[in-house]
């Protein structure tokens, strides 16, 4: 069995190769130029583009590129895709699978998430493979994590919310003027992002997220990933605030890749929980 995923897992193609898996890079487009995550550009360089006033967009891998990967692997394939609805990558992977002669050997999982939980699911699949578990056993175990994941985003740049359609131009202008802190979360079907709560300070926004996670039973069997777009110190402060109440939970801090920064914007913080 061979495992395939994309850079939403925060693994680079080079790191994937070292671990015996295949990582397909997601792509950003800046002024007509295409940049592959971790190969052509890193997060720091990407943030400099934004600071210079450049407006990025994203592009999932071309179906031909995914098809080349699938056809190059002789083993059975477990493909962990970024969530359908959050990206077009899942549909691209399904389209490529349908073009492969022995498509029954390719198992594409809609993780319904990205970043921290996506990374955890990939690492879980690798651990289970190492222990000798069969692919159907791995998929069954992964689905527990898929069903349990929950994500929140605290953006700091209203322009990115406006461009993504999450806020109207008027709401974005008012929000920036009065310095509110919006929190976004996934819809119940995990296919879209919607407003969760609006607070006057980031501390109160984090408190509202902690209240929600406590109501879901956050404990020792959970992992909380705090992702950031160039604001590691802020991410650490968020983690310390959350640890005061969620004492038994495992935490990690992750730097978001360029394509995810395109959606959340510079300075954004993501807070995600998954059952281990």
Protein backbone atom coordinates (compact mmCIF):
# COMPACT_ATOMS: atom_id res chain seq x y z
CA UNK A 1 0.00 0.00 0.00
CA UNK A 2 1.21 3.49 -0.88
CA UNK A 3 -0.07 6.64 0.83
CA UNK A 4 -0.72 9.85 -1.11
CA UNK A 5 -1.77 13.27 0.26
CA UNK A 6 -1.27 16.95 -0.52
CA UNK A 7 0.46 19.90 1.10
CA UNK A 8 -2.61 20.76 3.18
CA UNK A 9 -1.02 18.23 5.56
CA UNK A 10 1.88 20.69 6.00
CA UNK A 11 4.23 18.02 4.64
CA UNK A 12 6.44 19.01 1.73
CA UNK A 13 6.98 16.68 -1.23
CA UNK A 14 10.60 16.21 -0.06
CA UNK A 15 9.50 15.25 3.46
CA UNK A 16 6.98 12.85 1.98
CA UNK A 17 9.66 11.18 -0.10
CA UNK A 18 11.80 10.67 3.00
CA UNK A 19 8.90 8.88 4.68
CA UNK A 20 8.02 6.75 1.68
CA UNK A 21 4.80 8.57 0.79
CA UNK A 22 3.81 10.93 -2.02
CA UNK A 23 2.82 14.54 -1.33
CA UNK A 24 1.23 16.49 -4.19
CA UNK A 25 1.81 20.26 -3.87
CA UNK A 26 -1.13 22.63 -3.93
CA UNK A 27 -0.51 25.79 -5.94
CA UNK A 28 -0.83 29.54 -5.49
CA UNK A 29 -1.05 32.03 -8.33
CA UNK A 30 0.51 35.46 -7.89
CA UNK A 31 0.41 37.94 -10.79
CA UNK A 32 0.06 35.13 -13.31
CA UNK A 33 2.89 33.03 -11.88
CA UNK A 34 2.17 29.63 -10.32
CA UNK A 35 3.99 28.61 -7.15
CA UNK A 36 3.90 25.10 -5.68
CA UNK A 37 3.77 24.86 -1.89
CA UNK A 38 7.17 24.11 -0.32
CA UNK A 39 8.83 23.62 -3.73
CA UNK A 40 8.64 27.04 -5.38
CA UNK A 41 7.78 29.12 -2.31
CA UNK A 42 7.60 28.89 1.47
CA UNK A 43 5.22 30.65 3.85
CA UNK A 44 7.64 33.47 4.75
CA UNK A 45 8.28 34.32 1.10
CA UNK A 46 4.57 34.15 0.40
CA UNK A 47 3.79 36.61 3.19
CA UNK A 48 6.32 39.03 1.69
CA UNK A 49 4.35 38.92 -1.57
CA UNK A 50 1.21 39.94 0.32
CA UNK A 51 3.06 42.69 2.20
CA UNK A 52 4.12 44.07 -1.19
CA UNK A 53 0.46 44.38 -2.16
CA UNK A 54 0.24 41.33 -4.40
CA UNK A 55 -3.09 39.48 -4.39
CA UNK A 56 -2.78 35.67 -4.47
CA UNK A 57 -5.29 33.06 -5.56
CA UNK A 58 -5.14 29.28 -5.31
CA UNK A 59 -5.29 26.45 -7.81
CA UNK A 60 -5.60 22.76 -7.11
CA UNK A 61 -3.22 20.41 -8.97
CA UNK A 62 -4.16 19.74 -12.59
CA UNK A 63 -5.98 16.44 -13.13
CA UNK A 64 -3.15 15.39 -15.45
CA UNK A 65 -0.57 15.85 -12.69
CA UNK A 66 -2.63 13.78 -10.24
CA UNK A 67 -3.17 11.15 -12.92
CA UNK A 68 0.59 10.92 -13.47
CA UNK A 69 1.05 10.21 -9.74
CA UNK A 70 -1.67 7.57 -9.62
CA UNK A 71 -0.40 5.80 -12.73
CA UNK A 72 3.19 5.78 -11.45
CA UNK A 73 2.29 3.71 -8.38
CA UNK A 74 1.85 -0.05 -8.80
CA UNK A 75 0.64 -0.72 -5.24
CA UNK A 76 -2.80 -0.20 -3.79
CA UNK A 77 -3.20 3.53 -3.02
CA UNK A 78 -4.67 5.30 -0.02
CA UNK A 79 -5.19 8.95 -1.01
CA UNK A 80 -6.03 11.39 1.80
CA UNK A 81 -7.48 14.49 0.17
CA UNK A 82 -8.15 17.93 1.58
CA UNK A 83 -11.86 18.25 2.34
CA UNK A 84 -14.33 18.34 -0.53
CA UNK A 85 -16.00 21.74 -0.58
CA UNK A 86 -12.97 23.38 1.02
CA UNK A 87 -11.00 22.79 -2.17
CA UNK A 88 -11.52 21.32 -5.62
CA UNK A 89 -8.65 18.87 -4.99
CA UNK A 90 -10.95 16.02 -3.96
CA UNK A 91 -12.97 16.23 -7.19
CA UNK A 92 -9.72 16.47 -9.16
CA UNK A 93 -8.48 13.28 -7.49
CA UNK A 94 -11.75 11.49 -8.21
CA UNK A 95 -11.57 12.57 -11.83
CA UNK A 96 -8.02 11.26 -12.13
CA UNK A 97 -9.01 7.97 -10.46
CA UNK A 98 -11.75 7.43 -13.03
CA UNK A 99 -9.13 7.63 -15.78
CA UNK A 100 -6.93 4.91 -14.27
CA UNK A 101 -7.30 1.40 -15.70
CA UNK A 102 -7.32 -0.38 -12.31
CA UNK A 103 -9.20 2.28 -10.38
CA UNK A 104 -10.48 -0.20 -7.78
CA UNK A 105 -6.98 -0.21 -6.26
CA UNK A 106 -7.25 3.53 -5.48
CA UNK A 107 -9.05 4.54 -2.28
CA UNK A 108 -9.65 8.30 -2.02
CA UNK A 109 -10.67 9.59 1.40
CA UNK A 110 -12.47 12.91 1.77
CA UNK A 111 -10.93 14.05 5.07
CA UNK A 112 -13.49 16.91 5.29
CA UNK A 113 -10.73 19.06 6.74
CA UNK A 114 -7.31 20.58 6.15
CA UNK A 115 -4.14 21.59 8.00
CA UNK A 116 -3.84 20.16 11.56
CA UNK A 117 -6.44 17.35 11.44
CA UNK A 118 -5.40 16.49 7.88
CA UNK A 119 -1.79 16.19 9.03
CA UNK A 120 -2.83 14.04 11.98
CA UNK A 121 -4.83 11.67 9.74
CA UNK A 122 -1.85 11.27 7.42
CA UNK A 123 0.46 10.46 10.34
CA UNK A 124 -2.13 8.06 11.77
CA UNK A 125 -2.34 6.24 8.43
CA UNK A 126 1.46 5.94 8.31
CA UNK A 127 1.59 4.55 11.86
CA UNK A 128 -1.12 1.99 11.17
CA UNK A 129 0.59 0.91 7.95
CA UNK A 130 3.86 0.43 9.85
CA UNK A 131 2.04 -1.79 12.34
CA UNK A 132 0.84 -3.99 9.50
CA UNK A 133 -2.82 -2.98 9.36
CA UNK A 134 -4.68 -3.62 6.12
CA UNK A 135 -6.06 -0.76 4.09
CA UNK A 136 -9.70 -1.38 5.06
CA UNK A 137 -8.73 -1.34 8.75
CA UNK A 138 -6.84 1.93 8.27
CA UNK A 139 -9.79 3.54 6.48
CA UNK A 140 -12.17 2.48 9.27
CA UNK A 141 -9.88 4.00 11.90
CA UNK A 142 -9.42 7.19 9.88
CA UNK A 143 -13.17 7.74 9.58
CA UNK A 144 -13.39 8.19 13.37
CA UNK A 145 -11.01 11.12 13.04
CA UNK A 146 -12.83 12.47 9.96
CA UNK A 147 -16.15 12.51 11.82
CA UNK A 148 -14.70 14.12 14.96
CA UNK A 149 -12.71 17.01 13.49
CA UNK A 150 -13.80 20.59 14.04
CA UNK A 151 -12.12 23.78 12.82
CA UNK A 152 -12.17 27.50 13.60
CA UNK A 153 -10.43 30.41 11.88
CA UNK A 154 -9.67 33.80 13.42
CA UNK A 155 -8.70 36.10 10.51
CA UNK A 156 -6.93 39.41 11.00
CA UNK A 157 -7.36 40.86 7.51
CA UNK A 158 -10.94 41.65 6.51
CA UNK A 159 -9.92 42.06 2.87
CA UNK A 160 -9.28 38.32 2.62
CA UNK A 161 -12.71 37.56 4.09
CA UNK A 162 -14.26 40.00 1.63
CA UNK A 163 -12.52 38.45 -1.39
CA UNK A 164 -13.54 34.95 -0.31
CA UNK A 165 -17.17 36.04 -0.05
CA UNK A 166 -17.35 35.35 3.71
CA UNK A 167 -18.16 39.04 4.38
CA UNK A 168 -19.82 41.68 2.22
CA UNK A 169 -17.67 44.73 1.37
CA UNK A 170 -19.74 46.90 3.72
CA UNK A 171 -19.48 44.42 6.60
CA UNK A 172 -15.73 44.12 6.04
CA UNK A 173 -15.31 47.91 6.10
CA UNK A 174 -17.36 48.28 9.29
CA UNK A 175 -15.58 45.34 10.94
CA UNK A 176 -12.15 46.80 10.26
CA UNK A 177 -13.23 50.22 11.53
CA UNK A 178 -14.56 49.03 14.89
CA UNK A 179 -11.89 46.35 15.25
CA UNK A 180 -14.13 43.35 15.87
CA UNK A 181 -12.77 39.81 15.89
CA UNK A 182 -14.82 37.39 13.80
CA UNK A 183 -14.49 33.63 14.21
CA UNK A 184 -15.35 31.35 11.30
CA UNK A 185 -16.12 27.63 11.51
CA UNK A 186 -17.15 24.77 9.23
CA UNK A 187 -20.80 24.14 8.47
CA UNK A 188 -22.35 20.96 9.86
CA UNK A 189 -21.64 19.08 6.62
CA UNK A 190 -18.03 20.42 6.73
CA UNK A 191 -18.21 21.58 3.13
CA UNK A 192 -18.20 25.34 3.70
CA UNK A 193 -17.08 28.01 6.16
CA UNK A 194 -19.60 30.15 8.04
CA UNK A 195 -19.51 32.73 10.87
CA UNK A 196 -19.33 31.23 14.38
CA UNK A 197 -19.16 34.27 16.65
CA UNK A 198 -18.00 37.90 16.70
CA UNK A 199 -16.14 39.32 19.69
CA UNK A 200 -14.42 42.59 20.53
CA UNK A 201 -11.07 40.99 21.44
CA UNK A 202 -9.09 37.94 20.36
CA UNK A 203 -9.00 36.69 23.95
CA UNK A 204 -12.80 36.61 24.09
CA UNK A 205 -12.93 34.97 20.67
CA UNK A 206 -10.63 32.19 21.90
CA UNK A 207 -12.74 31.86 25.04
CA UNK A 208 -15.83 31.26 22.90
CA UNK A 209 -13.97 28.53 21.00
CA UNK A 210 -12.86 26.89 24.25
CA UNK A 211 -16.48 26.88 25.45
CA UNK A 212 -17.47 25.04 22.27
CA UNK A 213 -14.64 22.51 22.56
CA UNK A 214 -15.48 21.85 26.21
CA UNK A 215 -19.09 21.16 25.22
CA UNK A 216 -17.76 18.54 22.78
CA UNK A 217 -15.85 16.79 25.58
CA UNK A 218 -12.30 17.91 24.72
CA UNK A 219 -9.92 15.74 26.70
CA UNK A 220 -6.89 13.46 26.65
CA UNK A 221 -8.13 11.62 23.58
CA UNK A 222 -8.03 14.80 21.48
CA UNK A 223 -5.35 16.79 19.63
CA UNK A 224 -5.73 20.54 19.17
CA UNK A 225 -3.67 22.10 16.38
CA UNK A 226 -3.10 25.84 16.37
CA UNK A 227 -2.03 27.04 12.94
CA UNK A 228 -0.74 30.50 12.14
CA UNK A 229 0.18 32.69 9.18
CA UNK A 230 3.40 34.35 10.30
CA UNK A 231 2.31 35.07 13.90
CA UNK A 232 3.89 32.29 15.97
CA UNK A 233 3.96 34.33 19.18
CA UNK A 234 0.23 34.97 18.91
CA UNK A 235 -0.36 31.26 18.31
CA UNK A 236 1.64 30.43 21.43
CA UNK A 237 -0.41 32.95 23.45
CA UNK A 238 -3.62 31.33 22.19
CA UNK A 239 -2.30 27.91 23.18
CA UNK A 240 -1.44 29.08 26.69
CA UNK A 241 -4.88 30.62 27.12
CA UNK A 242 -6.56 27.38 26.00
CA UNK A 243 -4.34 25.21 28.23
CA UNK A 244 -5.65 26.98 31.32
CA UNK A 245 -8.98 25.21 30.84
CA UNK A 246 -8.18 22.26 28.57
CA UNK A 247 -5.44 20.79 30.75
CA UNK A 248 -5.55 17.19 29.48
CA UNK A 249 -5.57 17.97 25.77
CA UNK A 250 -2.50 17.55 23.56
CA UNK A 251 -1.55 20.75 21.69
CA UNK A 252 0.69 21.55 18.74
CA UNK A 253 1.57 24.73 16.86
CA UNK A 254 1.91 24.65 13.07
CA UNK A 255 2.86 27.19 10.40
CA UNK A 256 0.27 27.26 7.61
CA UNK A 257 1.41 26.70 3.99
CA UNK A 258 1.01 29.39 1.31
CA UNK A 259 -2.23 28.08 -0.22
CA UNK A 260 -4.00 28.06 3.15
CA UNK A 261 -2.72 31.56 3.93
CA UNK A 262 -4.39 32.67 0.69
CA UNK A 263 -7.77 31.81 2.23
CA UNK A 264 -7.19 32.86 5.85
CA UNK A 265 -4.97 35.84 5.16
CA UNK A 266 -1.74 36.97 6.85
CA UNK A 267 -1.91 36.92 10.62
CA UNK A 268 -4.77 34.43 10.75
CA UNK A 269 -5.00 31.81 13.49
CA UNK A 270 -6.63 28.41 13.04
CA UNK A 271 -7.81 26.28 15.96
CA UNK A 272 -8.66 22.68 15.09
CA UNK A 273 -9.50 19.61 17.16
CA UNK A 274 -9.52 15.96 16.17
CA UNK A 275 -10.05 12.71 18.04
CA UNK A 276 -6.87 10.64 18.16
